[in-house]
């Protein structure tokens, strides 16, 4: 199965059958599982070797470290949302877990729906946390006023955005965006492999995506400068796509180029 743009999850679970079941269930839901392991040191190695967007960690695992110590080791490398999946609910364990700032703490057994909700919230909250307070506040206000609230969302973490459609977040590299096109209150994000249509305005999308390579060329279009193959006074060519240059946007568009 090919997962070019989906959320990458690392599972750390001491029971092999439970780990396999989790992997199967999540892959069925469209997530990519980069690895399943039952001990902390191997989890650390897998984390270093793979692009991991989220960790599912049991607390009682094999090896020298338990799940909480493993989370601490991994967080020293890179901050990543963590969801604990465990049967341990004693106060001492929960207090220890709090110090790793997990996105969620799921007690076994749990349903696939509960796990999906926890993953969605983990990605959402992590993206908000990585934004500046001003950006996060503005995004929250826009979301609360948007007619698409709770249905379509754009989140950004570093050089990726996560686009929510049909209750699923899909990961998109910013560099893979070709151009944006608006039709009234809908925006299409055209990438190298897929087209996403959101019930948002073009201005709203450009405000949410912090990527200085996305430049307006027309009242209905914005292009990724890194994807341009050629242009003239009237249009930009990106592969097989032709994007118009509006008269009111031409001067600003040309300022992004150094004419020698």
Protein backbone atom coordinates (compact mmCIF):
# COMPACT_ATOMS: atom_id res chain seq x y z
CA UNK A 1 0.00 0.00 0.00
CA UNK A 2 1.32 3.46 -0.91
CA UNK A 3 1.14 6.28 1.65
CA UNK A 4 2.75 9.29 -0.07
CA UNK A 5 1.23 12.02 2.10
CA UNK A 6 -0.29 10.49 5.20
CA UNK A 7 0.53 10.86 8.87
CA UNK A 8 3.48 8.69 9.91
CA UNK A 9 2.99 6.84 13.20
CA UNK A 10 5.48 4.87 15.28
CA UNK A 11 3.93 2.24 17.57
CA UNK A 12 5.72 1.08 20.73
CA UNK A 13 3.78 -1.80 22.29
CA UNK A 14 5.04 -4.74 24.33
CA UNK A 15 2.34 -7.19 23.20
CA UNK A 16 3.06 -8.26 19.62
CA UNK A 17 -0.56 -9.12 18.79
CA UNK A 18 -1.79 -5.77 20.12
CA UNK A 19 0.87 -3.94 18.12
CA UNK A 20 -0.09 -5.82 14.95
CA UNK A 21 -3.78 -5.13 15.54
CA UNK A 22 -3.10 -1.42 16.07
CA UNK A 23 -0.99 -1.28 12.91
CA UNK A 24 -3.67 -3.01 10.84
CA UNK A 25 -6.47 -0.83 12.17
CA UNK A 26 -4.59 2.43 11.61
CA UNK A 27 -3.41 1.49 8.12
CA UNK A 28 -7.03 0.67 7.28
CA UNK A 29 -7.90 4.22 8.38
CA UNK A 30 -5.26 5.67 6.05
CA UNK A 31 -2.31 6.25 8.39
CA UNK A 32 1.22 5.07 7.60
CA UNK A 33 2.92 2.92 10.24
CA UNK A 34 6.67 3.48 10.04
CA UNK A 35 7.44 0.80 12.61
CA UNK A 36 6.18 -1.39 15.45
CA UNK A 37 8.51 -2.29 18.31
CA UNK A 38 8.29 -3.54 21.89
CA UNK A 39 11.30 -1.76 23.41
CA UNK A 40 12.56 1.77 23.87
CA UNK A 41 16.03 1.66 22.32
CA UNK A 42 14.70 0.22 19.07
CA UNK A 43 11.95 2.86 19.13
CA UNK A 44 14.64 5.54 19.39
CA UNK A 45 16.47 4.05 16.40
CA UNK A 46 13.26 3.87 14.34
CA UNK A 47 12.50 7.48 15.26
CA UNK A 48 15.90 8.62 14.03
CA UNK A 49 15.60 6.64 10.78
CA UNK A 50 12.03 7.58 9.80
CA UNK A 51 9.87 10.69 9.46
CA UNK A 52 7.62 10.26 12.49
CA UNK A 53 4.63 12.60 12.97
CA UNK A 54 3.14 10.91 16.04
CA UNK A 55 4.09 8.32 18.69
CA UNK A 56 1.77 5.69 20.15
CA UNK A 57 3.51 4.49 23.31
CA UNK A 58 2.64 1.78 25.77
CA UNK A 59 4.14 2.49 29.20
CA UNK A 60 4.93 -1.09 30.19
CA UNK A 61 7.36 -2.13 27.45
CA UNK A 62 10.38 -4.41 27.19
CA UNK A 63 13.98 -3.32 27.54
CA UNK A 64 15.91 -0.95 29.77
CA UNK A 65 13.46 1.97 29.44
CA UNK A 66 9.73 2.05 29.99
CA UNK A 67 7.44 4.06 27.72
CA UNK A 68 7.79 7.28 29.72
CA UNK A 69 11.60 7.13 29.68
CA UNK A 70 11.44 6.36 25.94
CA UNK A 71 9.28 9.44 25.41
CA UNK A 72 11.83 11.56 27.27
CA UNK A 73 14.70 10.23 25.13
CA UNK A 74 12.81 10.85 21.90
CA UNK A 75 11.73 14.35 22.96
CA UNK A 76 15.40 15.27 23.40
CA UNK A 77 15.83 14.72 19.66
CA UNK A 78 12.67 16.39 18.39
CA UNK A 79 9.35 17.40 19.88
CA UNK A 80 6.64 15.08 18.56
CA UNK A 81 3.05 14.52 19.74
CA UNK A 82 2.79 11.49 22.04
CA UNK A 83 -0.24 9.38 22.87
CA UNK A 84 0.14 6.88 25.69
CA UNK A 85 -1.81 3.64 25.27
CA UNK A 86 -1.75 1.66 28.50
CA UNK A 87 -3.64 -0.30 31.12
CA UNK A 88 -1.82 1.56 33.91
CA UNK A 89 -3.98 4.17 35.60
CA UNK A 90 -2.30 4.53 39.00
CA UNK A 91 -1.56 8.06 40.16
CA UNK A 92 2.22 7.59 40.26
CA UNK A 93 2.36 6.53 36.61
CA UNK A 94 0.06 9.31 35.49
CA UNK A 95 2.14 11.90 37.36
CA UNK A 96 5.31 10.63 35.67
CA UNK A 97 3.62 10.70 32.27
CA UNK A 98 2.49 14.31 32.77
CA UNK A 99 6.12 15.46 32.75
CA UNK A 100 6.43 14.38 29.09
CA UNK A 101 3.40 16.52 28.13
CA UNK A 102 1.50 13.83 26.20
CA UNK A 103 -1.23 14.76 23.75
CA UNK A 104 -3.48 12.03 25.17
CA UNK A 105 -3.56 9.14 27.63
CA UNK A 106 -5.74 6.27 26.41
CA UNK A 107 -6.51 3.39 28.72
CA UNK A 108 -6.93 -0.07 27.26
CA UNK A 109 -9.18 -1.25 25.82
CA UNK A 110 -10.13 1.60 23.46
CA UNK A 111 -12.04 1.81 20.21
CA UNK A 112 -10.68 2.78 16.80
CA UNK A 113 -12.92 5.86 16.85
CA UNK A 114 -11.47 7.01 20.18
CA UNK A 115 -7.96 6.48 18.85
CA UNK A 116 -8.71 8.46 15.67
CA UNK A 117 -10.10 11.34 17.74
CA UNK A 118 -7.00 11.31 19.95
CA UNK A 119 -4.71 11.37 16.89
CA UNK A 120 -6.62 14.23 15.29
CA UNK A 121 -6.54 16.28 18.47
CA UNK A 122 -2.85 15.50 19.00
CA UNK A 123 -1.89 16.77 15.53
CA UNK A 124 -4.16 19.80 15.86
CA UNK A 125 -2.88 20.83 19.29
CA UNK A 126 0.75 20.23 18.37
CA UNK A 127 0.40 22.45 15.30
CA UNK A 128 -1.23 25.16 17.40
CA UNK A 129 1.52 24.94 20.02
CA UNK A 130 4.23 25.36 17.39
CA UNK A 131 2.55 28.53 16.12
CA UNK A 132 3.25 31.84 17.81
CA UNK A 133 0.60 32.87 20.35
CA UNK A 134 -0.59 35.62 17.99
CA UNK A 135 -0.81 33.24 15.04
CA UNK A 136 -2.59 30.59 17.06
CA UNK A 137 -5.10 33.12 18.41
CA UNK A 138 -5.80 34.49 14.94
CA UNK A 139 -6.21 31.00 13.51
CA UNK A 140 -8.62 30.07 16.30
CA UNK A 141 -10.71 33.17 15.65
CA UNK A 142 -10.80 32.44 11.92
CA UNK A 143 -11.79 28.85 12.53
CA UNK A 144 -14.60 29.83 14.91
CA UNK A 145 -16.03 32.25 12.34
CA UNK A 146 -15.58 29.99 9.35
CA UNK A 147 -18.58 28.17 7.83
CA UNK A 148 -16.28 25.18 7.38
CA UNK A 149 -15.43 25.00 11.09
CA UNK A 150 -15.02 21.39 12.31
CA UNK A 151 -15.10 20.13 8.73
CA UNK A 152 -12.05 21.45 6.93
CA UNK A 153 -8.86 22.62 8.58
CA UNK A 154 -5.30 23.45 7.56
CA UNK A 155 -2.58 22.89 10.12
CA UNK A 156 1.11 23.58 9.64
CA UNK A 157 4.16 21.98 11.22
CA UNK A 158 7.51 23.14 9.85
CA UNK A 159 7.62 22.47 6.09
CA UNK A 160 4.37 20.50 5.99
CA UNK A 161 0.69 21.27 6.14
CA UNK A 162 -2.02 18.86 7.21
CA UNK A 163 -5.27 19.23 5.28
CA UNK A 164 -8.38 17.81 6.90
CA UNK A 165 -10.98 16.34 4.58
CA UNK A 166 -13.51 13.60 5.27
CA UNK A 167 -12.39 13.38 8.92
CA UNK A 168 -8.82 12.54 7.86
CA UNK A 169 -5.67 14.68 7.98
CA UNK A 170 -3.48 14.35 4.88
CA UNK A 171 0.13 15.56 5.02
CA UNK A 172 1.41 17.75 2.18
CA UNK A 173 4.93 19.07 1.70
CA UNK A 174 4.84 22.81 1.06
CA UNK A 175 7.31 22.43 -1.78
CA UNK A 176 4.88 20.02 -3.51
CA UNK A 177 2.15 22.65 -3.84
CA UNK A 178 1.92 23.80 -7.46
CA UNK A 179 -0.70 26.52 -7.22
CA UNK A 180 -3.96 27.60 -5.57
CA UNK A 181 -7.14 28.41 -7.45
CA UNK A 182 -10.34 29.91 -6.06
CA UNK A 183 -13.91 29.65 -7.26
CA UNK A 184 -16.13 31.86 -5.12
CA UNK A 185 -15.80 30.48 -1.57
CA UNK A 186 -13.93 27.33 -2.51
CA UNK A 187 -10.17 26.96 -2.96
CA UNK A 188 -8.40 24.16 -4.78
CA UNK A 189 -4.86 23.32 -3.65
CA UNK A 190 -3.16 21.58 -6.56
CA UNK A 191 -0.09 19.55 -5.63
CA UNK A 192 2.26 17.32 -7.58
CA UNK A 193 0.06 14.31 -6.87
CA UNK A 194 -3.37 15.44 -5.71
CA UNK A 195 -6.01 18.16 -5.69
CA UNK A 196 -7.68 19.30 -2.45
CA UNK A 197 -10.82 21.45 -2.47
CA UNK A 198 -11.65 23.43 0.67
CA UNK A 199 -14.61 25.63 1.53
CA UNK A 200 -12.42 28.64 2.25
CA UNK A 201 -11.43 31.87 0.53
CA UNK A 202 -8.05 32.27 -1.15
CA UNK A 203 -7.10 35.02 1.29
CA UNK A 204 -7.91 32.75 4.22
CA UNK A 205 -5.76 29.92 2.88
CA UNK A 206 -2.81 32.22 2.20
CA UNK A 207 -3.09 33.58 5.74
CA UNK A 208 -3.06 30.08 7.23
CA UNK A 209 -0.12 28.77 5.20
CA UNK A 210 3.14 30.45 6.20
CA UNK A 211 5.20 29.91 3.06
CA UNK A 212 6.78 32.89 1.34
CA UNK A 213 7.05 31.02 -1.95
CA UNK A 214 3.26 31.16 -2.43
CA UNK A 215 2.64 34.34 -4.42
CA UNK A 216 -0.57 35.83 -5.77
CA UNK A 217 -0.61 36.24 -9.56
CA UNK A 218 -4.29 36.90 -10.05
CA UNK A 219 -7.35 37.55 -7.90
CA UNK A 220 -8.18 33.86 -8.34
CA UNK A 221 -4.70 32.29 -8.33
CA UNK A 222 -1.50 31.99 -6.31
CA UNK A 223 1.56 30.02 -7.43
CA UNK A 224 4.54 28.33 -5.80
CA UNK A 225 7.60 30.19 -7.10
CA UNK A 226 9.73 27.05 -6.79
CA UNK A 227 7.45 25.18 -9.19
CA UNK A 228 7.44 27.76 -12.02
CA UNK A 229 8.99 26.49 -15.25
CA UNK A 230 8.48 29.64 -17.32
CA UNK A 231 6.33 32.76 -17.56
CA UNK A 232 5.54 35.68 -19.82
CA UNK A 233 3.53 38.86 -19.39
CA UNK A 234 0.24 37.01 -19.31
CA UNK A 235 0.71 33.59 -17.76
CA UNK A 236 2.84 31.29 -15.60
CA UNK A 237 3.56 27.76 -16.76
CA UNK A 238 3.84 25.02 -14.14
CA UNK A 239 4.17 21.66 -15.86
CA UNK A 240 1.03 21.19 -17.92
CA UNK A 241 -0.79 23.93 -16.00
CA UNK A 242 -1.19 27.52 -17.20
CA UNK A 243 -1.90 30.13 -14.52
CA UNK A 244 -2.91 33.68 -15.53
CA UNK A 245 -1.09 36.80 -14.40
CA UNK A 246 -3.59 39.55 -13.64
CA UNK A 247 -2.84 43.13 -14.59
CA UNK A 248 -3.14 44.29 -10.97
CA UNK A 249 -0.74 41.60 -9.72
CA UNK A 250 1.96 41.70 -12.41
CA UNK A 251 4.16 44.37 -10.84
CA UNK A 252 4.21 42.72 -7.40
CA UNK A 253 4.82 39.29 -8.96
CA UNK A 254 7.88 40.56 -10.84
CA UNK A 255 9.45 41.92 -7.64
CA UNK A 256 10.23 38.34 -6.60
CA UNK A 257 12.75 38.04 -9.44
CA UNK A 258 16.17 39.64 -9.87
CA UNK A 259 16.55 40.89 -13.44
CA UNK A 260 20.26 40.94 -14.34
